[in-house]
Amino acid sequence: MTLQEQLVQVSEVGFSRIPKRIAQVLRNVIKEITSSDLQEKSLKVGEKITDTKLIDVSGKPRQLSEFLDQKYLILNFYRGSWCPYCNMELRAYESLKDDFQLLETSIIGISIERPTITSQTSEKNTLSFPMLCDENAQFMKSLGIVFTLNDDLKREYANFGIDLKQIHNNLNYELPVPGVYIINRNLEIIFRNLNENYMTRLEPKDILTFLEEKSEIMKIQESII
C-alpha cells in the first residue's frame, strides 16, 4: 500500500467518526490556507535558504549546515507527533533511508515541537534520521510555510486534547504546512513540495525517482565535459 493510500484510508475512517461541524472546520482551514497564496509567497526552487539554528532531541543547538554531509539534504517539515498523517509519512521516509543514502542524500525531520516531544516522536516511529526542533518556527517563517490557527481550529484542537501552547512552548498557535524541501551543499533549493491539504503528501518514492533522474543527468553532463 502506498503512503497516499494509507492516508486516504485514515482520512475516511477519521471523517466518518467526527461530527460534521468539526469536519467542516477542518475543510475550511484547508480552503483558507489554499487561498492565502502560500505556494507563491514561500521560497522556491533556485533560491537559497539561510543556514539556521535548530535544536536536536537532546536540546543542543545545531546549525542546518551540520547535516549537509552528503550531496543533498531532504528537509521534511511535519505538523507534530499528534498528527497521524505526519507519523505515517516519517515512517515512509525511514523505510527508504538506505535508498536515499545510495543517492548521497540525507534526511532530517523538522517541527515546532519541544525537543523532548520530538525525541518521543523519533522513538515512537523508530526513526534513525535526525529529528529537530525549530523554536518558534523561525526557520519555517523564513521559508514562508507557516500559518496561524483561526479561532475555530484552536477550539477544536483543544477539544481533541492538542495543547499547542504546551507542545510548542509558546502562545503563537502556529503550524507549518506539511512540506518537503531538498537542498544542496550550497543551501540552494533543488526541489520543493508543499501541501495545503494536510491529508495529502508526496510519495517519498517520487522524490527518490527525482533524485535518480537528477543523478543520471549529472552523469551524462560529466561525460560530455
C-alpha atoms as a PDB file:
ATOM      1  CA  MET A   1       0.000   0.000   0.000  1.00  0.00           C
ATOM      2  CA  THR A   2       1.363   3.417  -0.963  1.00  0.00           C
ATOM      3  CA  LEU A   3       1.633   6.249   1.544  1.00  0.00           C
ATOM      4  CA  GLN A   4      -1.226   8.109  -0.137  1.00  0.00           C
ATOM      5  CA  GLU A   5      -3.459   5.031   0.003  1.00  0.00           C
ATOM      6  CA  GLN A   6      -2.750   4.760   3.726  1.00  0.00           C
ATOM      7  CA  LEU A   7      -3.533   8.441   4.222  1.00  0.00           C
ATOM      8  CA  VAL A   8      -6.830   8.171   2.349  1.00  0.00           C
ATOM      9  CA  GLN A   9      -7.790   5.201   4.496  1.00  0.00           C
ATOM     10  CA  VAL A  10      -7.058   7.131   7.702  1.00  0.00           C
ATOM     11  CA  SER A  11      -8.984  10.166   6.416  1.00  0.00           C
ATOM     12  CA  GLU A  12     -12.067   8.139   5.528  1.00  0.00           C
ATOM     13  CA  VAL A  13     -12.140   6.474   8.925  1.00  0.00           C
ATOM     14  CA  GLY A  14     -11.436   9.703  10.771  1.00  0.00           C
ATOM     15  CA  PHE A  15     -14.050  11.822   8.990  1.00  0.00           C
ATOM     16  CA  SER A  16     -16.655   9.113   9.446  1.00  0.00           C
ATOM     17  CA  ARG A  17     -16.230   9.358  13.218  1.00  0.00           C
ATOM     18  CA  ILE A  18     -16.196  13.105  13.838  1.00  0.00           C
ATOM     19  CA  PRO A  19     -19.231  15.442  13.812  1.00  0.00           C
ATOM     20  CA  LYS A  20     -19.948  17.229  10.548  1.00  0.00           C
ATOM     21  CA  ARG A  21     -19.365  20.586  12.269  1.00  0.00           C
ATOM     22  CA  ILE A  22     -15.773  19.658  13.126  1.00  0.00           C
ATOM     23  CA  ALA A  23     -15.166  18.184   9.676  1.00  0.00           C
ATOM     24  CA  GLN A  24     -16.311  21.462   8.145  1.00  0.00           C
ATOM     25  CA  VAL A  25     -13.912  23.446  10.349  1.00  0.00           C
ATOM     26  CA  LEU A  26     -11.014  21.317   9.100  1.00  0.00           C
ATOM     27  CA  ARG A  27     -12.084  21.706   5.477  1.00  0.00           C
ATOM     28  CA  ASN A  28     -12.500  25.468   5.889  1.00  0.00           C
ATOM     29  CA  VAL A  29      -8.939  25.802   7.171  1.00  0.00           C
ATOM     30  CA  ILE A  30      -7.612  23.921   4.149  1.00  0.00           C
ATOM     31  CA  LYS A  31      -9.502  26.339   1.877  1.00  0.00           C
ATOM     32  CA  GLU A  32      -8.206  29.299   3.870  1.00  0.00           C
ATOM     33  CA  ILE A  33      -4.583  28.198   3.536  1.00  0.00           C
ATOM     34  CA  THR A  34      -5.025  27.400  -0.159  1.00  0.00           C
ATOM     35  CA  SER A  35      -6.390  30.884  -0.854  1.00  0.00           C
ATOM     36  CA  SER A  36      -3.511  32.564   1.035  1.00  0.00           C
ATOM     37  CA  ASP A  37      -1.073  32.280  -1.913  1.00  0.00           C
ATOM     38  CA  LEU A  38       1.370  30.402   0.301  1.00  0.00           C
ATOM     39  CA  GLN A  39       2.708  28.487  -2.689  1.00  0.00           C
ATOM     40  CA  GLU A  40       3.596  31.741  -4.408  1.00  0.00           C
ATOM     41  CA  LYS A  41       4.986  33.542  -1.366  1.00  0.00           C
ATOM     42  CA  SER A  42       7.192  30.757   0.017  1.00  0.00           C
ATOM     43  CA  LEU A  43      10.785  30.131  -1.099  1.00  0.00           C
ATOM     44  CA  LYS A  44      11.053  28.264  -4.389  1.00  0.00           C
ATOM     45  CA  VAL A  45      13.444  26.099  -6.375  1.00  0.00           C
ATOM     46  CA  GLY A  46      16.599  28.002  -7.268  1.00  0.00           C
ATOM     47  CA  GLU A  47      16.504  30.236  -4.192  1.00  0.00           C
ATOM     48  CA  LYS A  48      18.876  29.831  -1.254  1.00  0.00           C
ATOM     49  CA  ILE A  49      17.924  29.296   2.362  1.00  0.00           C
ATOM     50  CA  THR A  50      19.709  30.695   5.387  1.00  0.00           C
ATOM     51  CA  ASP A  51      21.965  28.454   7.464  1.00  0.00           C
ATOM     52  CA  THR A  52      19.797  28.492  10.549  1.00  0.00           C
ATOM     53  CA  LYS A  53      19.941  27.232  14.122  1.00  0.00           C
ATOM     54  CA  LEU A  54      17.817  24.231  15.062  1.00  0.00           C
ATOM     55  CA  ILE A  55      17.616  22.205  18.285  1.00  0.00           C
ATOM     56  CA  ASP A  56      18.260  18.459  18.399  1.00  0.00           C
ATOM     57  CA  VAL A  57      16.421  15.972  20.637  1.00  0.00           C
ATOM     58  CA  SER A  58      18.982  16.436  23.431  1.00  0.00           C
ATOM     59  CA  GLY A  59      18.344  20.181  23.479  1.00  0.00           C
ATOM     60  CA  LYS A  60      21.641  21.040  21.784  1.00  0.00           C
ATOM     61  CA  PRO A  61      21.734  23.892  19.213  1.00  0.00           C
ATOM     62  CA  ARG A  62      22.744  22.698  15.749  1.00  0.00           C
ATOM     63  CA  GLN A  63      23.333  24.559  12.512  1.00  0.00           C
ATOM     64  CA  LEU A  64      21.446  23.261   9.495  1.00  0.00           C
ATOM     65  CA  SER A  65      24.737  23.049   7.575  1.00  0.00           C
ATOM     66  CA  GLU A  66      25.966  20.395  10.029  1.00  0.00           C
ATOM     67  CA  PHE A  67      23.589  17.939   8.395  1.00  0.00           C
ATOM     68  CA  LEU A  68      24.838  18.619   4.857  1.00  0.00           C
ATOM     69  CA  ASP A  69      27.287  15.748   4.965  1.00  0.00           C
ATOM     70  CA  GLN A  70      26.181  14.417   1.582  1.00  0.00           C
ATOM     71  CA  LYS A  71      25.326  15.877  -1.799  1.00  0.00           C
ATOM     72  CA  TYR A  72      21.691  16.587  -0.893  1.00  0.00           C
ATOM     73  CA  LEU A  73      19.581  17.024   2.230  1.00  0.00           C
ATOM     74  CA  ILE A  74      15.837  16.378   2.467  1.00  0.00           C
ATOM     75  CA  LEU A  75      14.020  18.667   4.897  1.00  0.00           C
ATOM     76  CA  ASN A  76      10.712  17.154   5.981  1.00  0.00           C
ATOM     77  CA  PHE A  77       8.522  19.713   7.748  1.00  0.00           C
ATOM     78  CA  TYR A  78       5.820  17.971   9.766  1.00  0.00           C
ATOM     79  CA  ARG A  79       2.987  19.286  11.954  1.00  0.00           C
ATOM     80  CA  GLY A  80       3.586  17.226  15.069  1.00  0.00           C
ATOM     81  CA  SER A  81       3.633  13.947  16.946  1.00  0.00           C
ATOM     82  CA  TRP A  82      -0.157  14.189  17.357  1.00  0.00           C
ATOM     83  CA  CYS A  83      -0.704  14.077  13.572  1.00  0.00           C
ATOM     84  CA  PRO A  84      -1.222  10.522  12.264  1.00  0.00           C
ATOM     85  CA  TYR A  85      -0.529  11.651   8.693  1.00  0.00           C
ATOM     86  CA  CYS A  86       2.866  13.022   9.719  1.00  0.00           C
ATOM     87  CA  ASN A  87       3.818   9.867  11.590  1.00  0.00           C
ATOM     88  CA  MET A  88       2.968   7.720   8.588  1.00  0.00           C
ATOM     89  CA  GLU A  89       4.967   9.995   6.305  1.00  0.00           C
ATOM     90  CA  LEU A  90       8.020   9.937   8.588  1.00  0.00           C
ATOM     91  CA  ARG A  91       7.943   6.129   8.673  1.00  0.00           C
ATOM     92  CA  ALA A  92       7.716   6.052   4.874  1.00  0.00           C
ATOM     93  CA  TYR A  93      10.932   8.100   4.631  1.00  0.00           C
ATOM     94  CA  GLU A  94      12.616   5.846   7.154  1.00  0.00           C
ATOM     95  CA  SER A  95      11.764   2.783   5.038  1.00  0.00           C
ATOM     96  CA  LEU A  96      13.609   4.353   2.070  1.00  0.00           C
ATOM     97  CA  LYS A  97      16.522   5.819   4.004  1.00  0.00           C
ATOM     98  CA  ASP A  98      19.070   3.361   2.548  1.00  0.00           C
ATOM     99  CA  ASP A  99      17.860   4.090  -0.983  1.00  0.00           C
ATOM    100  CA  PHE A 100      18.341   7.800  -0.407  1.00  0.00           C
ATOM    101  CA  GLN A 101      21.800   7.149   1.014  1.00  0.00           C
ATOM    102  CA  LEU A 102      22.813   5.462  -2.246  1.00  0.00           C
ATOM    103  CA  LEU A 103      21.977   8.725  -3.973  1.00  0.00           C
ATOM    104  CA  GLU A 104      24.111  10.692  -1.495  1.00  0.00           C
ATOM    105  CA  THR A 105      21.045  12.139   0.190  1.00  0.00           C
ATOM    106  CA  SER A 106      20.370  12.559   3.904  1.00  0.00           C
ATOM    107  CA  ILE A 107      17.044  13.222   5.656  1.00  0.00           C
ATOM    108  CA  ILE A 108      16.010  15.349   8.636  1.00  0.00           C
ATOM    109  CA  GLY A 109      12.594  15.908  10.178  1.00  0.00           C
ATOM    110  CA  ILE A 110      11.680  19.380  11.471  1.00  0.00           C
ATOM    111  CA  SER A 111       8.766  20.531  13.636  1.00  0.00           C
ATOM    112  CA  ILE A 112       7.997  23.317  16.117  1.00  0.00           C
ATOM    113  CA  GLU A 113       7.620  20.818  18.957  1.00  0.00           C
ATOM    114  CA  ARG A 114       9.808  20.919  22.044  1.00  0.00           C
ATOM    115  CA  PRO A 115      12.905  18.658  21.911  1.00  0.00           C
ATOM    116  CA  THR A 116      11.502  16.197  24.462  1.00  0.00           C
ATOM    117  CA  ILE A 117       8.384  15.666  22.345  1.00  0.00           C
ATOM    118  CA  THR A 118      10.487  15.496  19.172  1.00  0.00           C
ATOM    119  CA  SER A 119      12.513  12.731  20.825  1.00  0.00           C
ATOM    120  CA  GLN A 120       9.323  10.821  21.636  1.00  0.00           C
ATOM    121  CA  THR A 121       8.199  11.123  18.006  1.00  0.00           C
ATOM    122  CA  SER A 122      11.511   9.676  16.841  1.00  0.00           C
ATOM    123  CA  GLU A 123      11.308   6.759  19.264  1.00  0.00           C
ATOM    124  CA  LYS A 124       7.635   6.071  18.576  1.00  0.00           C
ATOM    125  CA  ASN A 125       8.260   5.771  14.836  1.00  0.00           C
ATOM    126  CA  THR A 126      11.668   4.057  15.175  1.00  0.00           C
ATOM    127  CA  LEU A 127      13.396   6.753  13.137  1.00  0.00           C
ATOM    128  CA  SER A 128      17.147   6.684  12.544  1.00  0.00           C
ATOM    129  CA  PHE A 129      17.478  10.079  10.834  1.00  0.00           C
ATOM    130  CA  PRO A 130      17.844  13.317  12.860  1.00  0.00           C
ATOM    131  CA  MET A 131      14.718  14.969  14.225  1.00  0.00           C
ATOM    132  CA  LEU A 132      14.975  18.671  15.026  1.00  0.00           C
ATOM    133  CA  CYS A 133      13.051  21.475  16.681  1.00  0.00           C
ATOM    134  CA  ASP A 134      12.563  24.855  15.012  1.00  0.00           C
ATOM    135  CA  GLU A 135      11.977  27.108  18.022  1.00  0.00           C
ATOM    136  CA  ASN A 136       9.013  29.451  17.482  1.00  0.00           C
ATOM    137  CA  ALA A 137       9.005  28.376  13.811  1.00  0.00           C
ATOM    138  CA  GLN A 138      11.698  30.930  12.954  1.00  0.00           C
ATOM    139  CA  PHE A 139      13.190  28.819  10.151  1.00  0.00           C
ATOM    140  CA  MET A 140       9.782  27.880   8.773  1.00  0.00           C
ATOM    141  CA  LYS A 141       8.744  31.531   8.758  1.00  0.00           C
ATOM    142  CA  SER A 142      11.849  32.403   6.744  1.00  0.00           C
ATOM    143  CA  LEU A 143      10.696  29.850   4.174  1.00  0.00           C
ATOM    144  CA  GLY A 144       7.139  31.187   4.224  1.00  0.00           C
ATOM    145  CA  ILE A 145       5.390  27.922   5.107  1.00  0.00           C
ATOM    146  CA  VAL A 146       3.731  28.839   8.428  1.00  0.00           C
ATOM    147  CA  PHE A 147       0.089  29.677   9.117  1.00  0.00           C
ATOM    148  CA  THR A 148      -1.713  30.767  12.295  1.00  0.00           C
ATOM    149  CA  LEU A 149      -4.674  28.749  13.532  1.00  0.00           C
ATOM    150  CA  ASN A 150      -8.010  30.568  13.417  1.00  0.00           C
ATOM    151  CA  ASP A 151     -10.306  30.602  16.459  1.00  0.00           C
ATOM    152  CA  ASP A 152     -12.437  27.699  15.209  1.00  0.00           C
ATOM    153  CA  LEU A 153      -9.416  25.460  14.750  1.00  0.00           C
ATOM    154  CA  LYS A 154      -7.947  26.481  18.111  1.00  0.00           C
ATOM    155  CA  ARG A 155     -11.189  25.409  19.764  1.00  0.00           C
ATOM    156  CA  GLU A 156     -11.350  22.042  18.000  1.00  0.00           C
ATOM    157  CA  TYR A 157      -7.686  21.285  18.688  1.00  0.00           C
ATOM    158  CA  ALA A 158      -8.327  21.999  22.365  1.00  0.00           C
ATOM    159  CA  ASN A 159     -11.313  19.641  22.247  1.00  0.00           C
ATOM    160  CA  PHE A 160      -9.051  16.956  20.742  1.00  0.00           C
ATOM    161  CA  GLY A 161      -6.564  17.485  23.588  1.00  0.00           C
ATOM    162  CA  ILE A 162      -3.917  19.042  21.330  1.00  0.00           C
ATOM    163  CA  ASP A 163      -2.371  21.759  23.521  1.00  0.00           C
ATOM    164  CA  LEU A 164      -0.074  23.645  21.159  1.00  0.00           C
ATOM    165  CA  LYS A 165       0.901  26.102  23.903  1.00  0.00           C
ATOM    166  CA  GLN A 166       2.476  23.232  25.842  1.00  0.00           C
ATOM    167  CA  ILE A 167       3.728  21.312  22.810  1.00  0.00           C
ATOM    168  CA  HIS A 168       5.445  24.341  21.240  1.00  0.00           C
ATOM    169  CA  ASN A 169       6.244  26.161  24.472  1.00  0.00           C
ATOM    170  CA  ASN A 170       4.796  29.425  23.136  1.00  0.00           C
ATOM    171  CA  LEU A 171       1.460  31.187  22.650  1.00  0.00           C
ATOM    172  CA  ASN A 172       1.665  31.599  18.881  1.00  0.00           C
ATOM    173  CA  TYR A 173      -0.723  28.857  17.672  1.00  0.00           C
ATOM    174  CA  GLU A 174       1.295  28.355  14.503  1.00  0.00           C
ATOM    175  CA  LEU A 175       1.864  25.298  12.333  1.00  0.00           C
ATOM    176  CA  PRO A 176       3.778  24.591   9.153  1.00  0.00           C
ATOM    177  CA  VAL A 177       2.100  23.474   6.000  1.00  0.00           C
ATOM    178  CA  PRO A 178       3.450  19.917   5.583  1.00  0.00           C
ATOM    179  CA  GLY A 179       6.239  20.149   3.069  1.00  0.00           C
ATOM    180  CA  VAL A 180       9.450  18.770   1.676  1.00  0.00           C
ATOM    181  CA  TYR A 181      12.455  20.790   0.548  1.00  0.00           C
ATOM    182  CA  ILE A 182      15.660  19.351  -0.894  1.00  0.00           C
ATOM    183  CA  ILE A 183      18.794  21.481  -0.728  1.00  0.00           C
ATOM    184  CA  ASN A 184      22.348  21.019  -1.961  1.00  0.00           C
ATOM    185  CA  ARG A 185      25.603  21.827  -0.173  1.00  0.00           C
ATOM    186  CA  ASN A 186      25.284  25.462  -1.247  1.00  0.00           C
ATOM    187  CA  LEU A 187      21.931  25.666   0.593  1.00  0.00           C
ATOM    188  CA  GLU A 188      20.199  26.063  -2.754  1.00  0.00           C
ATOM    189  CA  ILE A 189      16.700  24.628  -3.106  1.00  0.00           C
ATOM    190  CA  ILE A 190      16.573  21.993  -5.843  1.00  0.00           C
ATOM    191  CA  PHE A 191      13.123  20.588  -5.026  1.00  0.00           C
ATOM    192  CA  ARG A 192      10.018  21.760  -3.174  1.00  0.00           C
ATOM    193  CA  ASN A 193       6.603  20.281  -2.436  1.00  0.00           C
ATOM    194  CA  LEU A 194       4.022  21.882  -0.133  1.00  0.00           C
ATOM    195  CA  ASN A 195       0.616  20.514   0.829  1.00  0.00           C
ATOM    196  CA  GLU A 196      -2.081  22.931   1.986  1.00  0.00           C
ATOM    197  CA  ASN A 197      -4.241  19.846   2.496  1.00  0.00           C
ATOM    198  CA  TYR A 198      -2.514  18.089   5.398  1.00  0.00           C
ATOM    199  CA  MET A 199      -4.200  14.812   4.452  1.00  0.00           C
ATOM    200  CA  THR A 200      -2.244  14.659   1.190  1.00  0.00           C
ATOM    201  CA  ARG A 201       1.515  14.059   1.000  1.00  0.00           C
ATOM    202  CA  LEU A 202       4.005  13.446  -1.775  1.00  0.00           C
ATOM    203  CA  GLU A 203       5.115   9.846  -2.121  1.00  0.00           C
ATOM    204  CA  PRO A 204       8.742   9.526  -0.901  1.00  0.00           C
ATOM    205  CA  LYS A 205       9.319   7.186  -3.840  1.00  0.00           C
ATOM    206  CA  ASP A 206       8.560  10.110  -6.180  1.00  0.00           C
ATOM    207  CA  ILE A 207      11.375  12.068  -4.546  1.00  0.00           C
ATOM    208  CA  LEU A 208      13.621   9.044  -4.962  1.00  0.00           C
ATOM    209  CA  THR A 209      12.765   8.998  -8.669  1.00  0.00           C
ATOM    210  CA  PHE A 210      13.526  12.723  -8.935  1.00  0.00           C
ATOM    211  CA  LEU A 211      16.963  12.215  -7.384  1.00  0.00           C
ATOM    212  CA  GLU A 212      17.706   9.196  -9.557  1.00  0.00           C
ATOM    213  CA  GLU A 213      16.873  11.165 -12.697  1.00  0.00           C
ATOM    214  CA  LYS A 214      18.957  14.108 -11.496  1.00  0.00           C
ATOM    215  CA  SER A 215      21.884  11.781 -10.854  1.00  0.00           C
ATOM    216  CA  GLU A 216      21.630  10.333 -14.362  1.00  0.00           C
ATOM    217  CA  ILE A 217      21.527  13.795 -15.923  1.00  0.00           C
ATOM    218  CA  MET A 218      24.626  14.823 -13.999  1.00  0.00           C
ATOM    219  CA  LYS A 219      26.480  11.703 -15.138  1.00  0.00           C
ATOM    220  CA  ILE A 220      25.643  12.475 -18.765  1.00  0.00           C
ATOM    221  CA  GLN A 221      26.792  16.096 -18.360  1.00  0.00           C
ATOM    222  CA  GLU A 222      30.055  14.981 -16.755  1.00  0.00           C
ATOM    223  CA  SER A 223      30.733  12.504 -19.561  1.00  0.00           C
ATOM    224  CA  ILE A 224      30.239  15.255 -22.152  1.00  0.00           C
ATOM    225  CA  ILE A 225      32.617  17.591 -20.362  1.00  0.00           C
END
